[in-house]
Amino acid sequence: MEIQVKRSRQGENSTLSVLYIDDEQVCYVLEDSVRDKKIKGSTAIPAGRYKLAFRHYGGMHGRYHRLFPDFHKGMIQLMNVPNFSYIYIHMGNNFADTAGCLLVGQKVKYFKKQKEYEIRQSRKAYVALYKRLAAAMEKGEVFIKIHELSSWGDELSLWGNELLNSRK
């Protein structure tokens, strides 16, 4: 299985994407800004294809295991990301929650004055996506492909506007 994350919008400190599985829009993704030079904890990971794996250690794993004891099998981690470590898919709402990771949500909010994107209903999106990914990871390899902003921005801009405007 290969998941597609298509970056569509750039805020001052945030990058908004749409996550697809088998051409179905599943949720939104929020990352830090795409930057030419990495700033630790404030830079989106490089576009590329990464294998997903469970991480069974660390504080975040412990918190999520307590939050979701019925289905949590480990944090879903993107493996072998150049110059990054411990990159997870997890819950959160704005760029301050990312620390280089991918946040998921079902709705988007844009703050014009701050020129920032936020995602909402993160827990709901995370639970649905986690269950789907965990089931696929138990059956075989799962990869995530992150596309550059320029690769998909034009295609998604009109569609994205419709979605953003309908979700005020």
C-alpha atoms as a PDB file:
ATOM      1  CA  MET A   1       0.000   0.000   0.000  1.00  0.00           C
ATOM      2  CA  GLU A   2       1.165   3.519  -0.755  1.00  0.00           C
ATOM      3  CA  ILE A   3      -0.399   6.615   0.777  1.00  0.00           C
ATOM      4  CA  GLN A   4      -0.156   9.924  -1.064  1.00  0.00           C
ATOM      5  CA  VAL A   5       0.302  13.234   0.761  1.00  0.00           C
ATOM      6  CA  LYS A   6      -0.137  16.112  -1.667  1.00  0.00           C
ATOM      7  CA  ARG A   7       1.046  19.438  -0.323  1.00  0.00           C
ATOM      8  CA  SER A   8      -1.385  22.128  -1.420  1.00  0.00           C
ATOM      9  CA  ARG A   9      -0.957  25.338   0.609  1.00  0.00           C
ATOM     10  CA  GLN A  10       1.812  27.154   2.450  1.00  0.00           C
ATOM     11  CA  GLY A  11       1.233  29.400   5.469  1.00  0.00           C
ATOM     12  CA  GLU A  12       3.865  31.500   7.228  1.00  0.00           C
ATOM     13  CA  ASN A  13       4.869  28.546   9.442  1.00  0.00           C
ATOM     14  CA  SER A  14       2.583  25.765   8.216  1.00  0.00           C
ATOM     15  CA  THR A  15       2.078  23.521   5.195  1.00  0.00           C
ATOM     16  CA  LEU A  16      -1.359  22.111   4.413  1.00  0.00           C
ATOM     17  CA  SER A  17      -1.721  18.835   2.514  1.00  0.00           C
ATOM     18  CA  VAL A  18      -4.374  16.306   1.603  1.00  0.00           C
ATOM     19  CA  LEU A  19      -3.825  12.602   2.359  1.00  0.00           C
ATOM     20  CA  TYR A  20      -5.143  10.013  -0.097  1.00  0.00           C
ATOM     21  CA  ILE A  21      -5.430   6.251   0.051  1.00  0.00           C
ATOM     22  CA  ASP A  22      -6.335   4.613  -3.265  1.00  0.00           C
ATOM     23  CA  ASP A  23      -7.369   8.009  -4.719  1.00  0.00           C
ATOM     24  CA  GLU A  24      -9.791   8.604  -1.823  1.00  0.00           C
ATOM     25  CA  GLN A  25      -9.332  11.778   0.194  1.00  0.00           C
ATOM     26  CA  VAL A  26      -8.973  10.527   3.767  1.00  0.00           C
ATOM     27  CA  CYS A  27      -7.950  13.612   5.754  1.00  0.00           C
ATOM     28  CA  TYR A  28      -5.888  16.785   5.843  1.00  0.00           C
ATOM     29  CA  VAL A  29      -2.272  16.898   6.962  1.00  0.00           C
ATOM     30  CA  LEU A  30      -0.513  19.815   8.619  1.00  0.00           C
ATOM     31  CA  GLU A  31       3.262  20.123   8.762  1.00  0.00           C
ATOM     32  CA  ASP A  32       5.772  22.816   9.524  1.00  0.00           C
ATOM     33  CA  SER A  33       6.864  25.112   6.689  1.00  0.00           C
ATOM     34  CA  VAL A  34       8.815  23.756   3.768  1.00  0.00           C
ATOM     35  CA  ARG A  35      12.219  25.427   4.050  1.00  0.00           C
ATOM     36  CA  ASP A  36      15.433  25.337   2.035  1.00  0.00           C
ATOM     37  CA  LYS A  37      17.484  25.059   5.216  1.00  0.00           C
ATOM     38  CA  LYS A  38      16.314  22.906   8.136  1.00  0.00           C
ATOM     39  CA  ILE A  39      15.370  24.568  11.407  1.00  0.00           C
ATOM     40  CA  LYS A  40      15.090  21.845  14.058  1.00  0.00           C
ATOM     41  CA  GLY A  41      11.464  21.262  15.024  1.00  0.00           C
ATOM     42  CA  SER A  42      10.171  23.882  12.558  1.00  0.00           C
ATOM     43  CA  THR A  43      10.747  22.398   9.112  1.00  0.00           C
ATOM     44  CA  ALA A  44       8.645  20.024   7.035  1.00  0.00           C
ATOM     45  CA  ILE A  45      10.346  16.789   6.039  1.00  0.00           C
ATOM     46  CA  PRO A  46      11.674  16.487   2.483  1.00  0.00           C
ATOM     47  CA  ALA A  47       9.304  15.272  -0.205  1.00  0.00           C
ATOM     48  CA  GLY A  48       9.919  11.600  -0.875  1.00  0.00           C
ATOM     49  CA  ARG A  49       8.756   8.046  -0.285  1.00  0.00           C
ATOM     50  CA  TYR A  50       9.097   6.593   3.201  1.00  0.00           C
ATOM     51  CA  LYS A  51       8.294   3.245   4.744  1.00  0.00           C
ATOM     52  CA  LEU A  52       5.967   3.294   7.774  1.00  0.00           C
ATOM     53  CA  ALA A  53       6.767   1.264  10.886  1.00  0.00           C
ATOM     54  CA  PHE A  54       5.516   0.977  14.459  1.00  0.00           C
ATOM     55  CA  ARG A  55       7.640   2.536  17.213  1.00  0.00           C
ATOM     56  CA  HIS A  56       6.993   0.902  20.589  1.00  0.00           C
ATOM     57  CA  TYR A  57       9.148   3.168  22.777  1.00  0.00           C
ATOM     58  CA  GLY A  58       9.157   6.739  24.015  1.00  0.00           C
ATOM     59  CA  GLY A  59       6.898   9.172  25.807  1.00  0.00           C
ATOM     60  CA  MET A  60       4.520   9.732  22.905  1.00  0.00           C
ATOM     61  CA  HIS A  61       4.002   5.983  22.529  1.00  0.00           C
ATOM     62  CA  GLY A  62       3.143   5.772  26.247  1.00  0.00           C
ATOM     63  CA  ARG A  63       0.656   8.662  26.040  1.00  0.00           C
ATOM     64  CA  TYR A  64      -1.092   7.258  22.982  1.00  0.00           C
ATOM     65  CA  HIS A  65      -1.170   3.775  24.485  1.00  0.00           C
ATOM     66  CA  ARG A  66      -2.991   5.213  27.527  1.00  0.00           C
ATOM     67  CA  LEU A  67      -5.349   7.229  25.287  1.00  0.00           C
ATOM     68  CA  PHE A  68      -6.150   4.319  22.965  1.00  0.00           C
ATOM     69  CA  PRO A  69      -5.507   1.063  24.872  1.00  0.00           C
ATOM     70  CA  ASP A  70      -7.913  -0.934  22.705  1.00  0.00           C
ATOM     71  CA  PHE A  71      -6.065  -0.483  19.413  1.00  0.00           C
ATOM     72  CA  HIS A  72      -2.719   1.339  19.820  1.00  0.00           C
ATOM     73  CA  LYS A  73       0.091  -0.893  18.544  1.00  0.00           C
ATOM     74  CA  GLY A  74       2.838   1.760  18.500  1.00  0.00           C
ATOM     75  CA  MET A  75       3.405   5.182  17.015  1.00  0.00           C
ATOM     76  CA  ILE A  76       3.355   5.194  13.224  1.00  0.00           C
ATOM     77  CA  GLN A  77       6.796   6.418  12.259  1.00  0.00           C
ATOM     78  CA  LEU A  78       8.197   7.480   8.883  1.00  0.00           C
ATOM     79  CA  MET A  79      11.489   5.641   8.452  1.00  0.00           C
ATOM     80  CA  ASN A  80      14.797   6.874   7.037  1.00  0.00           C
ATOM     81  CA  VAL A  81      13.823  10.509   6.529  1.00  0.00           C
ATOM     82  CA  PRO A  82      17.067  12.323   5.628  1.00  0.00           C
ATOM     83  CA  ASN A  83      18.299  14.558   8.484  1.00  0.00           C
ATOM     84  CA  PHE A  84      15.176  13.878  10.592  1.00  0.00           C
ATOM     85  CA  SER A  85      14.365  11.376  13.321  1.00  0.00           C
ATOM     86  CA  TYR A  86      11.243  10.278  15.171  1.00  0.00           C
ATOM     87  CA  ILE A  87       8.822  11.559  12.533  1.00  0.00           C
ATOM     88  CA  TYR A  88       5.321  10.378  13.426  1.00  0.00           C
ATOM     89  CA  ILE A  89       1.765  10.707  12.222  1.00  0.00           C
ATOM     90  CA  HIS A  90      -0.166  12.038  15.212  1.00  0.00           C
ATOM     91  CA  MET A  91      -2.836  14.399  16.550  1.00  0.00           C
ATOM     92  CA  GLY A  92      -2.525  18.163  16.817  1.00  0.00           C
ATOM     93  CA  ASN A  93      -4.000  21.373  15.481  1.00  0.00           C
ATOM     94  CA  ASN A  94      -1.312  23.863  14.462  1.00  0.00           C
ATOM     95  CA  PHE A  95       2.342  24.207  13.532  1.00  0.00           C
ATOM     96  CA  ALA A  96       3.317  24.461  17.206  1.00  0.00           C
ATOM     97  CA  ASP A  97       2.151  20.836  17.634  1.00  0.00           C
ATOM     98  CA  THR A  98       4.147  19.355  14.742  1.00  0.00           C
ATOM     99  CA  ALA A  99       7.869  19.382  15.657  1.00  0.00           C
ATOM    100  CA  GLY A 100       8.502  18.091  12.129  1.00  0.00           C
ATOM    101  CA  CYS A 101       5.770  15.433  12.297  1.00  0.00           C
ATOM    102  CA  LEU A 102       2.571  15.044  10.287  1.00  0.00           C
ATOM    103  CA  LEU A 103      -0.649  16.075  12.037  1.00  0.00           C
ATOM    104  CA  VAL A 104      -3.982  14.820  10.700  1.00  0.00           C
ATOM    105  CA  GLY A 105      -7.437  16.391  10.843  1.00  0.00           C
ATOM    106  CA  GLN A 106     -10.822  16.406   9.175  1.00  0.00           C
ATOM    107  CA  LYS A 107     -11.353  20.144   8.821  1.00  0.00           C
ATOM    108  CA  VAL A 108      -9.204  23.147   7.978  1.00  0.00           C
ATOM    109  CA  LYS A 109      -9.193  26.699   9.265  1.00  0.00           C
ATOM    110  CA  TYR A 110      -7.199  29.529   7.731  1.00  0.00           C
ATOM    111  CA  PHE A 111      -6.309  32.587   9.776  1.00  0.00           C
ATOM    112  CA  LYS A 112      -5.878  35.454   7.286  1.00  0.00           C
ATOM    113  CA  LYS A 113      -4.250  37.894   9.704  1.00  0.00           C
ATOM    114  CA  GLN A 114      -1.582  35.381  10.796  1.00  0.00           C
ATOM    115  CA  LYS A 115      -1.437  33.690   7.360  1.00  0.00           C
ATOM    116  CA  GLU A 116      -1.605  30.297   9.058  1.00  0.00           C
ATOM    117  CA  TYR A 117      -3.471  27.043   8.571  1.00  0.00           C
ATOM    118  CA  GLU A 118      -4.816  24.874  11.348  1.00  0.00           C
ATOM    119  CA  ILE A 119      -6.572  21.544  11.250  1.00  0.00           C
ATOM    120  CA  ARG A 120      -9.528  20.526  13.381  1.00  0.00           C
ATOM    121  CA  GLN A 121     -11.136  17.261  14.466  1.00  0.00           C
ATOM    122  CA  SER A 122      -7.676  15.759  14.698  1.00  0.00           C
ATOM    123  CA  ARG A 123      -8.546  12.976  17.114  1.00  0.00           C
ATOM    124  CA  LYS A 124     -11.375  11.726  14.892  1.00  0.00           C
ATOM    125  CA  ALA A 125      -9.139  11.763  11.796  1.00  0.00           C
ATOM    126  CA  TYR A 126      -6.245  10.147  13.661  1.00  0.00           C
ATOM    127  CA  VAL A 127      -8.291   7.237  15.023  1.00  0.00           C
ATOM    128  CA  ALA A 128      -9.802   6.441  11.602  1.00  0.00           C
ATOM    129  CA  LEU A 129      -6.450   6.725   9.794  1.00  0.00           C
ATOM    130  CA  TYR A 130      -4.515   4.843  12.481  1.00  0.00           C
ATOM    131  CA  LYS A 131      -6.856   1.855  12.371  1.00  0.00           C
ATOM    132  CA  ARG A 132      -6.654   1.725   8.602  1.00  0.00           C
ATOM    133  CA  LEU A 133      -2.860   2.031   8.484  1.00  0.00           C
ATOM    134  CA  ALA A 134      -2.264  -0.394  11.356  1.00  0.00           C
ATOM    135  CA  ALA A 135      -4.381  -3.058   9.633  1.00  0.00           C
ATOM    136  CA  ALA A 136      -2.455  -2.571   6.380  1.00  0.00           C
ATOM    137  CA  MET A 137       0.932  -2.573   8.176  1.00  0.00           C
ATOM    138  CA  GLU A 138       0.117  -5.894   9.828  1.00  0.00           C
ATOM    139  CA  LYS A 139      -0.503  -7.411   6.381  1.00  0.00           C
ATOM    140  CA  GLY A 140       2.560  -6.003   4.612  1.00  0.00           C
ATOM    141  CA  GLU A 141       4.700  -3.000   3.832  1.00  0.00           C
ATOM    142  CA  VAL A 142       3.089   0.439   3.776  1.00  0.00           C
ATOM    143  CA  PHE A 143       4.717   3.511   2.280  1.00  0.00           C
ATOM    144  CA  ILE A 144       3.866   7.181   2.351  1.00  0.00           C
ATOM    145  CA  LYS A 145       4.778   9.419  -0.565  1.00  0.00           C
ATOM    146  CA  ILE A 146       4.985  13.130   0.139  1.00  0.00           C
ATOM    147  CA  HIS A 147       4.705  15.323  -2.949  1.00  0.00           C
ATOM    148  CA  GLU A 148       6.271  18.764  -3.282  1.00  0.00           C
ATOM    149  CA  LEU A 149       3.989  21.774  -3.069  1.00  0.00           C
ATOM    150  CA  SER A 150       4.654  22.742  -6.693  1.00  0.00           C
ATOM    151  CA  SER A 151       3.727  19.269  -7.944  1.00  0.00           C
ATOM    152  CA  TRP A 152       0.101  19.479  -6.829  1.00  0.00           C
ATOM    153  CA  GLY A 153      -0.600  23.045  -5.684  1.00  0.00           C
ATOM    154  CA  ASP A 154      -2.233  24.210  -8.924  1.00  0.00           C
ATOM    155  CA  GLU A 155      -4.415  21.121  -9.220  1.00  0.00           C
ATOM    156  CA  LEU A 156      -5.590  21.344  -5.626  1.00  0.00           C
ATOM    157  CA  SER A 157      -5.936  25.107  -5.337  1.00  0.00           C
ATOM    158  CA  LEU A 158      -9.460  25.345  -6.771  1.00  0.00           C
ATOM    159  CA  TRP A 159     -10.611  22.178  -5.071  1.00  0.00           C
ATOM    160  CA  GLY A 160      -8.932  23.298  -1.859  1.00  0.00           C
ATOM    161  CA  ASN A 161     -10.681  26.686  -1.993  1.00  0.00           C
ATOM    162  CA  GLU A 162     -14.042  24.974  -2.282  1.00  0.00           C
ATOM    163  CA  LEU A 163     -13.249  22.804   0.723  1.00  0.00           C
ATOM    164  CA  LEU A 164     -11.862  25.652   2.804  1.00  0.00           C
ATOM    165  CA  ASN A 165     -14.749  27.966   1.998  1.00  0.00           C
ATOM    166  CA  SER A 166     -17.299  25.288   2.797  1.00  0.00           C
ATOM    167  CA  ARG A 167     -15.725  24.645   6.189  1.00  0.00           C
ATOM    168  CA  LYS A 168     -15.926  28.057   7.865  1.00  0.00           C
END
